[in-house]
Amino acid sequence: IGHLRTMTSGRGQFSMEFSHYLPCPQNVAEQVIAEVAERKKKAG
């Protein structure tokens, strides 16, 4: 919402709702898996 307001001088609006699940691209998946591993390591 912050980006949209900046781009449209405060006049843009948006709404969203859940639609469906789709496969993650490889680079996104790798990043998510790394974050999960990091969280587990911290939790010890």
All heavy atoms as atom14 arrays in JSON, in Angstrom:
{
  "sequence": "IGHLRTMTSGRGQFSMEFSHYLPCPQNVAEQVIAEVAERKKKAG",
  "atom14_mask": [
    [1, 1, 1, 1, 1, 1, 1, 1, 0, 0, 0, 0, 0, 0],
    [1, 1, 1, 1, 0, 0, 0, 0, 0, 0, 0, 0, 0, 0],
    [1, 1, 1, 1, 1, 1, 1, 1, 1, 1, 0, 0, 0, 0],
    [1, 1, 1, 1, 1, 1, 1, 1, 0, 0, 0, 0, 0, 0],
    [1, 1, 1, 1, 1, 1, 1, 1, 1, 1, 1, 0, 0, 0],
    [1, 1, 1, 1, 1, 1, 1, 0, 0, 0, 0, 0, 0, 0],
    [1, 1, 1, 1, 1, 1, 1, 1, 0, 0, 0, 0, 0, 0],
    [1, 1, 1, 1, 1, 1, 1, 0, 0, 0, 0, 0, 0, 0],
    [1, 1, 1, 1, 1, 1, 0, 0, 0, 0, 0, 0, 0, 0],
    [1, 1, 1, 1, 0, 0, 0, 0, 0, 0, 0, 0, 0, 0],
    [1, 1, 1, 1, 1, 1, 1, 1, 1, 1, 1, 0, 0, 0],
    [1, 1, 1, 1, 0, 0, 0, 0, 0, 0, 0, 0, 0, 0],
    [1, 1, 1, 1, 1, 1, 1, 1, 1, 0, 0, 0, 0, 0],
    [1, 1, 1, 1, 1, 1, 1, 1, 1, 1, 1, 0, 0, 0],
    [1, 1, 1, 1, 1, 1, 0, 0, 0, 0, 0, 0, 0, 0],
    [1, 1, 1, 1, 1, 1, 1, 1, 0, 0, 0, 0, 0, 0],
    [1, 1, 1, 1, 1, 1, 1, 1, 1, 0, 0, 0, 0, 0],
    [1, 1, 1, 1, 1, 1, 1, 1, 1, 1, 1, 0, 0, 0],
    [1, 1, 1, 1, 1, 1, 0, 0, 0, 0, 0, 0, 0, 0],
    [1, 1, 1, 1, 1, 1, 1, 1, 1, 1, 0, 0, 0, 0],
    [1, 1, 1, 1, 1, 1, 1, 1, 1, 1, 1, 1, 0, 0],
    [1, 1, 1, 1, 1, 1, 1, 1, 0, 0, 0, 0, 0, 0],
    [1, 1, 1, 1, 1, 1, 1, 0, 0, 0, 0, 0, 0, 0],
    [1, 1, 1, 1, 1, 1, 0, 0, 0, 0, 0, 0, 0, 0],
    [1, 1, 1, 1, 1, 1, 1, 0, 0, 0, 0, 0, 0, 0],
    [1, 1, 1, 1, 1, 1, 1, 1, 1, 0, 0, 0, 0, 0],
    [1, 1, 1, 1, 1, 1, 1, 1, 0, 0, 0, 0, 0, 0],
    [1, 1, 1, 1, 1, 1, 1, 0, 0, 0, 0, 0, 0, 0],
    [1, 1, 1, 1, 1, 0, 0, 0, 0, 0, 0, 0, 0, 0],
    [1, 1, 1, 1, 1, 1, 1, 1, 1, 0, 0, 0, 0, 0],
    [1, 1, 1, 1, 1, 1, 1, 1, 1, 0, 0, 0, 0, 0],
    [1, 1, 1, 1, 1, 1, 1, 0, 0, 0, 0, 0, 0, 0],
    [1, 1, 1, 1, 1, 1, 1, 1, 0, 0, 0, 0, 0, 0],
    [1, 1, 1, 1, 1, 0, 0, 0, 0, 0, 0, 0, 0, 0],
    [1, 1, 1, 1, 1, 1, 1, 1, 1, 0, 0, 0, 0, 0],
    [1, 1, 1, 1, 1, 1, 1, 0, 0, 0, 0, 0, 0, 0],
    [1, 1, 1, 1, 1, 0, 0, 0, 0, 0, 0, 0, 0, 0],
    [1, 1, 1, 1, 1, 1, 1, 1, 1, 0, 0, 0, 0, 0],
    [1, 1, 1, 1, 1, 1, 1, 1, 1, 1, 1, 0, 0, 0],
    [1, 1, 1, 1, 1, 1, 1, 1, 1, 0, 0, 0, 0, 0],
    [1, 1, 1, 1, 1, 1, 1, 1, 1, 0, 0, 0, 0, 0],
    [1, 1, 1, 1, 1, 1, 1, 1, 1, 0, 0, 0, 0, 0],
    [1, 1, 1, 1, 1, 0, 0, 0, 0, 0, 0, 0, 0, 0],
    [1, 1, 1, 1, 0, 0, 0, 0, 0, 0, 0, 0, 0, 0]
  ],
  "atom14_positions": [
    [[0.84, -1.21, 0.0], [0.0, 0.0, 0.0], [0.87, 1.26, 0.0], [0.58, 2.24, -0.69], [-1.01, 0.01, 1.18], [-2.0, 1.16, 1.07], [-0.36, 0.0, 2.54], [-2.97, 1.06, -0.07], [0.0, 0.0, 0.0], [0.0, 0.0, 0.0], [0.0, 0.0, 0.0], [0.0, 0.0, 0.0], [0.0, 0.0, 0.0], [0.0, 0.0, 0.0]],
    [[2.01, 1.22, 0.74], [2.91, 2.39, 0.77], [3.48, 2.7, -0.6], [3.48, 3.85, -1.06], [0.0, 0.0, 0.0], [0.0, 0.0, 0.0], [0.0, 0.0, 0.0], [0.0, 0.0, 0.0], [0.0, 0.0, 0.0], [0.0, 0.0, 0.0], [0.0, 0.0, 0.0], [0.0, 0.0, 0.0], [0.0, 0.0, 0.0], [0.0, 0.0, 0.0]],
    [[3.95, 1.64, -1.3], [4.51, 1.83, -2.65], [3.45, 2.37, -3.6], [3.7, 3.27, -4.39], [4.99, 0.47, -3.21], [6.27, 0.02, -2.62], [7.49, 0.47, -3.08], [6.54, -0.81, -1.59], [8.45, -0.08, -2.35], [7.9, -0.87, -1.44], [0.0, 0.0, 0.0], [0.0, 0.0, 0.0], [0.0, 0.0, 0.0], [0.0, 0.0, 0.0]],
    [[2.24, 1.8, -3.5], [1.17, 2.19, -4.42], [0.83, 3.67, -4.21], [0.68, 4.43, -5.17], [-0.07, 1.32, -4.18], [-1.27, 1.61, -5.07], [-0.95, 1.29, -6.53], [-2.49, 0.81, -4.63], [0.0, 0.0, 0.0], [0.0, 0.0, 0.0], [0.0, 0.0, 0.0], [0.0, 0.0, 0.0], [0.0, 0.0, 0.0], [0.0, 0.0, 0.0]],
    [[0.78, 4.08, -2.95], [0.43, 5.49, -2.68], [1.51, 6.42, -3.21], [1.23, 7.48, -3.75], [0.24, 5.7, -1.18], [-1.04, 5.05, -0.71], [-1.5, 5.56, 0.63], [-2.79, 4.96, 0.95], [-3.07, 4.37, 2.09], [-2.15, 4.3, 3.02], [-4.25, 3.87, 2.31], [0.0, 0.0, 0.0], [0.0, 0.0, 0.0], [0.0, 0.0, 0.0]],
    [[2.77, 6.0, -3.06], [3.87, 6.83, -3.56], [3.78, 6.96, -5.08], [3.89, 8.05, -5.64], [5.23, 6.2, -3.19], [5.18, 5.86, -1.8], [6.38, 7.15, -3.43], [0.0, 0.0, 0.0], [0.0, 0.0, 0.0], [0.0, 0.0, 0.0], [0.0, 0.0, 0.0], [0.0, 0.0, 0.0], [0.0, 0.0, 0.0], [0.0, 0.0, 0.0]],
    [[3.55, 5.81, -5.76], [3.49, 5.81, -7.24], [2.34, 6.64, -7.78], [2.43, 7.22, -8.85], [3.31, 4.37, -7.75], [4.57, 3.57, -7.84], [4.23, 1.99, -8.64], [3.06, 1.22, -7.56], [0.0, 0.0, 0.0], [0.0, 0.0, 0.0], [0.0, 0.0, 0.0], [0.0, 0.0, 0.0], [0.0, 0.0, 0.0], [0.0, 0.0, 0.0]],
    [[1.21, 6.65, -7.03], [0.0, 7.26, -7.59], [-0.35, 8.56, -6.88], [-1.5, 8.99, -6.9], [-1.2, 6.3, -7.45], [-1.36, 5.99, -6.05], [-1.0, 5.0, -8.2], [0.0, 0.0, 0.0], [0.0, 0.0, 0.0], [0.0, 0.0, 0.0], [0.0, 0.0, 0.0], [0.0, 0.0, 0.0], [0.0, 0.0, 0.0], [0.0, 0.0, 0.0]],
    [[0.62, 9.17, -6.21], [0.41, 10.41, -5.45], [-0.76, 10.27, -4.48], [-1.61, 11.15, -4.36], [0.14, 11.6, -6.38], [0.91, 11.51, -7.54], [0.0, 0.0, 0.0], [0.0, 0.0, 0.0], [0.0, 0.0, 0.0], [0.0, 0.0, 0.0], [0.0, 0.0, 0.0], [0.0, 0.0, 0.0], [0.0, 0.0, 0.0], [0.0, 0.0, 0.0]],
    [[-0.85, 9.11, -3.85], [-1.88, 8.92, -2.82], [-3.26, 8.56, -3.32], [-4.19, 8.45, -2.54], [0.0, 0.0, 0.0], [0.0, 0.0, 0.0], [0.0, 0.0, 0.0], [0.0, 0.0, 0.0], [0.0, 0.0, 0.0], [0.0, 0.0, 0.0], [0.0, 0.0, 0.0], [0.0, 0.0, 0.0], [0.0, 0.0, 0.0], [0.0, 0.0, 0.0]],
    [[-3.42, 8.39, -4.67], [-4.79, 8.16, -5.16], [-5.09, 6.69, -5.45], [-6.22, 6.34, -5.75], [-5.02, 9.01, -6.41], [-5.13, 10.49, -6.08], [-4.77, 11.38, -7.25], [-5.69, 11.22, -8.36], [-5.38, 11.49, -9.63], [-4.15, 11.88, -9.92], [-6.26, 11.34, -10.58], [0.0, 0.0, 0.0], [0.0, 0.0, 0.0], [0.0, 0.0, 0.0]],
    [[-4.06, 5.82, -5.39], [-4.3, 4.4, -5.69], [-4.92, 3.65, -4.52], [-4.73, 4.02, -3.37], [0.0, 0.0, 0.0], [0.0, 0.0, 0.0], [0.0, 0.0, 0.0], [0.0, 0.0, 0.0], [0.0, 0.0, 0.0], [0.0, 0.0, 0.0], [0.0, 0.0, 0.0], [0.0, 0.0, 0.0], [0.0, 0.0, 0.0], [0.0, 0.0, 0.0]],
    [[-5.68, 2.61, -4.85], [-6.23, 1.73, -3.8], [-6.07, 0.3, -4.26], [-6.0, 0.06, -5.46], [-7.73, 1.95, -3.65], [-8.14, 3.25, -3.02], [-9.66, 3.36, -3.04], [-10.34, 2.83, -3.9], [-10.19, 4.06, -2.06], [0.0, 0.0, 0.0], [0.0, 0.0, 0.0], [0.0, 0.0, 0.0], [0.0, 0.0, 0.0], [0.0, 0.0, 0.0]],
    [[-6.05, -0.65, -3.32], [-6.03, -2.04, -3.78], [-6.69, -2.94, -2.76], [-6.85, -2.57, -1.6], [-4.59, -2.49, -4.05], [-3.89, -3.08, -2.86], [-3.68, -4.44, -2.76], [-3.44, -2.28, -1.83], [-3.03, -4.99, -1.66], [-2.79, -2.81, -0.72], [-2.59, -4.18, -0.65], [0.0, 0.0, 0.0], [0.0, 0.0, 0.0], [0.0, 0.0, 0.0]],
    [[-7.11, -4.11, -3.22], [-7.58, -5.12, -2.28], [-7.07, -6.45, -2.78], [-6.8, -6.61, -3.97], [-9.1, -5.12, -2.19], [-9.64, -5.78, -3.31], [0.0, 0.0, 0.0], [0.0, 0.0, 0.0], [0.0, 0.0, 0.0], [0.0, 0.0, 0.0], [0.0, 0.0, 0.0], [0.0, 0.0, 0.0], [0.0, 0.0, 0.0], [0.0, 0.0, 0.0]],
    [[-6.9, -7.41, -1.87], [-6.44, -8.73, -2.34], [-7.05, -9.82, -1.48], [-7.37, -9.6, -0.32], [-4.92, -8.82, -2.34], [-4.26, -8.79, -1.0], [-2.48, -9.06, -1.2], [-1.96, -9.03, 0.5], [0.0, 0.0, 0.0], [0.0, 0.0, 0.0], [0.0, 0.0, 0.0], [0.0, 0.0, 0.0], [0.0, 0.0, 0.0], [0.0, 0.0, 0.0]],
    [[-7.23, -10.99, -2.09], [-7.67, -12.15, -1.31], [-6.99, -13.39, -1.86], [-6.56, -13.42, -3.01], [-9.19, -12.28, -1.34], [-9.77, -12.44, -2.72], [-11.3, -12.5, -2.68], [-11.83, -13.22, -1.83], [-11.93, -11.82, -3.5], [0.0, 0.0, 0.0], [0.0, 0.0, 0.0], [0.0, 0.0, 0.0], [0.0, 0.0, 0.0], [0.0, 0.0, 0.0]],
    [[-6.91, -14.42, -1.03], [-6.21, -15.64, -1.41], [-6.89, -16.29, -2.6], [-8.1, -16.37, -2.68], [-6.19, -16.61, -0.22], [-5.68, -17.98, -0.59], [-4.35, -18.17, -0.91], [-6.53, -19.07, -0.64], [-3.87, -19.42, -1.27], [-6.07, -20.33, -0.99], [-4.74, -20.51, -1.31], [0.0, 0.0, 0.0], [0.0, 0.0, 0.0], [0.0, 0.0, 0.0]],
    [[-6.09, -16.79, -3.57], [-6.67, -17.45, -4.74], [-6.28, -18.93, -4.78], [-7.12, -19.8, -4.73], [-6.2, -16.71, -6.0], [-6.6, -17.4, -7.14], [0.0, 0.0, 0.0], [0.0, 0.0, 0.0], [0.0, 0.0, 0.0], [0.0, 0.0, 0.0], [0.0, 0.0, 0.0], [0.0, 0.0, 0.0], [0.0, 0.0, 0.0], [0.0, 0.0, 0.0]],
    [[-4.98, -19.23, -4.88], [-4.57, -20.65, -5.0], [-3.07, -20.77, -4.7], [-2.4, -19.77, -4.47], [-4.85, -21.16, -6.42], [-4.2, -20.33, -7.5], [-4.76, -19.15, -7.96], [-3.04, -20.48, -8.19], [-3.96, -18.62, -8.89], [-2.92, -19.39, -9.03], [0.0, 0.0, 0.0], [0.0, 0.0, 0.0], [0.0, 0.0, 0.0], [0.0, 0.0, 0.0]],
    [[-2.56, -21.99, -4.7], [-1.12, -22.21, -4.5], [-0.45, -22.54, -5.83], [-1.04, -23.2, -6.68], [-0.89, -23.38, -3.54], [-0.99, -23.0, -2.08], [-2.16, -23.15, -1.36], [0.12, -22.47, -1.42], [-2.24, -22.8, -0.03], [0.05, -22.11, -0.09], [-1.13, -22.27, 0.61], [-1.19, -21.91, 1.93], [0.0, 0.0, 0.0], [0.0, 0.0, 0.0]],
    [[0.8, -22.06, -6.01], [1.58, -22.39, -7.21], [3.02, -22.68, -6.79], [3.49, -22.18, -5.77], [1.6, -21.2, -8.19], [0.42, -21.06, -9.16], [0.7, -19.89, -10.1], [0.2, -22.32, -9.99], [0.0, 0.0, 0.0], [0.0, 0.0, 0.0], [0.0, 0.0, 0.0], [0.0, 0.0, 0.0], [0.0, 0.0, 0.0], [0.0, 0.0, 0.0]],
    [[3.75, -23.48, -7.59], [5.15, -23.77, -7.25], [6.0, -22.5, -7.16], [5.83, -21.58, -7.96], [5.62, -24.65, -8.41], [4.38, -25.23, -8.99], [3.31, -24.21, -8.79], [0.0, 0.0, 0.0], [0.0, 0.0, 0.0], [0.0, 0.0, 0.0], [0.0, 0.0, 0.0], [0.0, 0.0, 0.0], [0.0, 0.0, 0.0], [0.0, 0.0, 0.0]],
    [[6.93, -22.48, -6.19], [7.86, -21.36, -6.06], [8.97, -21.49, -7.1], [9.45, -22.61, -7.33], [8.59, -21.43, -4.71], [7.61, -20.92, -3.35], [0.0, 0.0, 0.0], [0.0, 0.0, 0.0], [0.0, 0.0, 0.0], [0.0, 0.0, 0.0], [0.0, 0.0, 0.0], [0.0, 0.0, 0.0], [0.0, 0.0, 0.0], [0.0, 0.0, 0.0]],
    [[9.45, -20.39, -7.67], [10.66, -20.46, -8.5], [11.84, -20.94, -7.65], [11.86, -20.72, -6.44], [10.89, -19.01, -8.95], [9.62, -18.29, -8.65], [8.9, -19.03, -7.57], [0.0, 0.0, 0.0], [0.0, 0.0, 0.0], [0.0, 0.0, 0.0], [0.0, 0.0, 0.0], [0.0, 0.0, 0.0], [0.0, 0.0, 0.0], [0.0, 0.0, 0.0]],
    [[12.81, -21.56, -8.3], [13.95, -22.17, -7.61], [14.65, -21.21, -6.64], [14.9, -21.55, -5.49], [14.96, -22.7, -8.66], [16.05, -23.6, -8.09], [15.5, -24.85, -7.4], [14.51, -25.42, -7.85], [16.13, -25.27, -6.3], [0.0, 0.0, 0.0], [0.0, 0.0, 0.0], [0.0, 0.0, 0.0], [0.0, 0.0, 0.0], [0.0, 0.0, 0.0]],
    [[14.93, -19.98, -7.12], [15.69, -19.03, -6.28], [14.91, -18.66, -5.02], [15.48, -18.51, -3.93], [16.07, -17.78, -7.08], [14.86, -17.04, -7.62], [13.82, -17.64, -7.86], [14.98, -15.74, -7.8], [0.0, 0.0, 0.0], [0.0, 0.0, 0.0], [0.0, 0.0, 0.0], [0.0, 0.0, 0.0], [0.0, 0.0, 0.0], [0.0, 0.0, 0.0]],
    [[13.56, -18.51, -5.16], [12.74, -18.17, -3.99], [12.74, -19.35, -3.01], [12.92, -19.18, -1.81], [11.29, -17.84, -4.42], [10.41, -17.59, -3.2], [11.27, -16.63, -5.34], [0.0, 0.0, 0.0], [0.0, 0.0, 0.0], [0.0, 0.0, 0.0], [0.0, 0.0, 0.0], [0.0, 0.0, 0.0], [0.0, 0.0, 0.0], [0.0, 0.0, 0.0]],
    [[12.57, -20.56, -3.55], [12.53, -21.76, -2.7], [13.82, -21.89, -1.9], [13.81, -22.15, -0.69], [12.3, -23.0, -3.56], [0.0, 0.0, 0.0], [0.0, 0.0, 0.0], [0.0, 0.0, 0.0], [0.0, 0.0, 0.0], [0.0, 0.0, 0.0], [0.0, 0.0, 0.0], [0.0, 0.0, 0.0], [0.0, 0.0, 0.0], [0.0, 0.0, 0.0]],
    [[14.97, -21.67, -2.58], [16.26, -21.8, -1.89], [16.37, -20.82, -0.73], [16.84, -21.15, 0.35], [17.41, -21.6, -2.89], [17.64, -22.85, -3.74], [18.54, -22.57, -4.95], [19.09, -21.45, -5.06], [18.67, -23.47, -5.8], [0.0, 0.0, 0.0], [0.0, 0.0, 0.0], [0.0, 0.0, 0.0], [0.0, 0.0, 0.0], [0.0, 0.0, 0.0]],
    [[15.9, -19.59, -1.0], [15.97, -18.55, 0.03], [15.09, -18.92, 1.25], [15.51, -18.79, 2.4], [15.48, -17.23, -0.57], [15.82, -16.03, 0.29], [15.25, -14.75, -0.31], [14.93, -14.69, -1.5], [15.1, -13.73, 0.51], [0.0, 0.0, 0.0], [0.0, 0.0, 0.0], [0.0, 0.0, 0.0], [0.0, 0.0, 0.0], [0.0, 0.0, 0.0]],
    [[13.87, -19.41, 0.97], [12.94, -19.78, 2.06], [13.55, -20.92, 2.89], [13.54, -20.88, 4.12], [11.57, -20.22, 1.49], [10.67, -20.78, 2.59], [10.88, -19.03, 0.81], [0.0, 0.0, 0.0], [0.0, 0.0, 0.0], [0.0, 0.0, 0.0], [0.0, 0.0, 0.0], [0.0, 0.0, 0.0], [0.0, 0.0, 0.0], [0.0, 0.0, 0.0]],
    [[14.1, -21.92, 2.2], [14.68, -23.08, 2.9], [15.85, -22.62, 3.79], [16.0, -23.05, 4.94], [15.14, -24.16, 1.89], [13.9, -24.74, 1.2], [15.92, -25.27, 2.57], [14.18, -25.52, -0.07], [0.0, 0.0, 0.0], [0.0, 0.0, 0.0], [0.0, 0.0, 0.0], [0.0, 0.0, 0.0], [0.0, 0.0, 0.0], [0.0, 0.0, 0.0]],
    [[16.66, -21.69, 3.24], [17.8, -21.17, 4.02], [17.31, -20.43, 5.27], [17.86, -20.58, 6.36], [18.63, -20.24, 3.14], [0.0, 0.0, 0.0], [0.0, 0.0, 0.0], [0.0, 0.0, 0.0], [0.0, 0.0, 0.0], [0.0, 0.0, 0.0], [0.0, 0.0, 0.0], [0.0, 0.0, 0.0], [0.0, 0.0, 0.0], [0.0, 0.0, 0.0]],
    [[16.22, -19.63, 5.1], [15.68, -18.88, 6.25], [15.18, -19.82, 7.35], [15.38, -19.59, 8.54], [14.53, -17.96, 5.8], [15.0, -16.67, 5.15], [13.85, -15.85, 4.58], [12.68, -16.14, 4.9], [14.12, -14.91, 3.82], [0.0, 0.0, 0.0], [0.0, 0.0, 0.0], [0.0, 0.0, 0.0], [0.0, 0.0, 0.0], [0.0, 0.0, 0.0]],
    [[14.51, -20.9, 6.91], [13.97, -21.86, 7.89], [15.14, -22.51, 8.65], [15.1, -22.65, 9.88], [13.12, -22.95, 7.18], [12.77, -24.07, 8.14], [11.84, -22.32, 6.63], [0.0, 0.0, 0.0], [0.0, 0.0, 0.0], [0.0, 0.0, 0.0], [0.0, 0.0, 0.0], [0.0, 0.0, 0.0], [0.0, 0.0, 0.0], [0.0, 0.0, 0.0]],
    [[16.19, -22.89, 7.91], [17.35, -23.53, 8.54], [17.98, -22.58, 9.56], [18.35, -22.98, 10.68], [18.36, -23.92, 7.47], [0.0, 0.0, 0.0], [0.0, 0.0, 0.0], [0.0, 0.0, 0.0], [0.0, 0.0, 0.0], [0.0, 0.0, 0.0], [0.0, 0.0, 0.0], [0.0, 0.0, 0.0], [0.0, 0.0, 0.0], [0.0, 0.0, 0.0]],
    [[18.06, -21.3, 9.18], [18.65, -20.28, 10.05], [17.84, -20.15, 11.36], [18.39, -20.09, 12.45], [18.66, -18.94, 9.29], [19.27, -17.77, 10.04], [20.78, -17.95, 10.3], [21.46, -18.67, 9.52], [21.24, -17.39, 11.29], [0.0, 0.0, 0.0], [0.0, 0.0, 0.0], [0.0, 0.0, 0.0], [0.0, 0.0, 0.0], [0.0, 0.0, 0.0]],
    [[16.47, -20.12, 11.19], [15.6, -20.0, 12.37], [15.79, -21.19, 13.31], [15.83, -21.04, 14.52], [14.12, -19.91, 11.93], [13.68, -18.5, 11.55], [12.23, -18.22, 11.95], [11.28, -19.11, 11.29], [10.83, -18.92, 10.06], [11.25, -17.89, 9.36], [9.95, -19.76, 9.52], [0.0, 0.0, 0.0], [0.0, 0.0, 0.0], [0.0, 0.0, 0.0]],
    [[15.9, -22.39, 12.72], [16.05, -23.6, 13.55], [17.38, -23.56, 14.32], [17.47, -23.97, 15.47], [15.97, -24.85, 12.68], [14.53, -25.16, 12.28], [14.37, -26.52, 11.65], [12.89, -26.83, 11.48], [12.6, -27.72, 10.41], [0.0, 0.0, 0.0], [0.0, 0.0, 0.0], [0.0, 0.0, 0.0], [0.0, 0.0, 0.0], [0.0, 0.0, 0.0]],
    [[18.4, -23.05, 13.6], [19.73, -23.0, 14.21], [19.71, -22.06, 15.43], [20.23, -22.38, 16.5], [20.74, -22.51, 13.17], [22.18, -22.91, 13.49], [23.1, -22.7, 12.3], [23.93, -21.44, 12.5], [24.69, -21.04, 11.33], [0.0, 0.0, 0.0], [0.0, 0.0, 0.0], [0.0, 0.0, 0.0], [0.0, 0.0, 0.0], [0.0, 0.0, 0.0]],
    [[19.04, -20.9, 15.21], [18.94, -19.93, 16.31], [18.21, -20.52, 17.5], [18.57, -20.32, 18.65], [18.14, -18.7, 15.82], [19.02, -17.57, 15.35], [18.19, -16.31, 15.24], [18.92, -15.26, 14.41], [18.0, -14.38, 13.72], [0.0, 0.0, 0.0], [0.0, 0.0, 0.0], [0.0, 0.0, 0.0], [0.0, 0.0, 0.0], [0.0, 0.0, 0.0]],
    [[17.11, -21.25, 17.19], [16.3, -21.83, 18.27], [17.09, -22.92, 19.01], [16.73, -23.33, 20.11], [15.01, -22.4, 17.71], [0.0, 0.0, 0.0], [0.0, 0.0, 0.0], [0.0, 0.0, 0.0], [0.0, 0.0, 0.0], [0.0, 0.0, 0.0], [0.0, 0.0, 0.0], [0.0, 0.0, 0.0], [0.0, 0.0, 0.0], [0.0, 0.0, 0.0]],
    [[18.16, -23.4, 18.32], [19.08, -24.34, 18.96], [18.51, -25.72, 19.13], [18.87, -26.45, 20.02], [0.0, 0.0, 0.0], [0.0, 0.0, 0.0], [0.0, 0.0, 0.0], [0.0, 0.0, 0.0], [0.0, 0.0, 0.0], [0.0, 0.0, 0.0], [0.0, 0.0, 0.0], [0.0, 0.0, 0.0], [0.0, 0.0, 0.0], [0.0, 0.0, 0.0]]
  ]
}
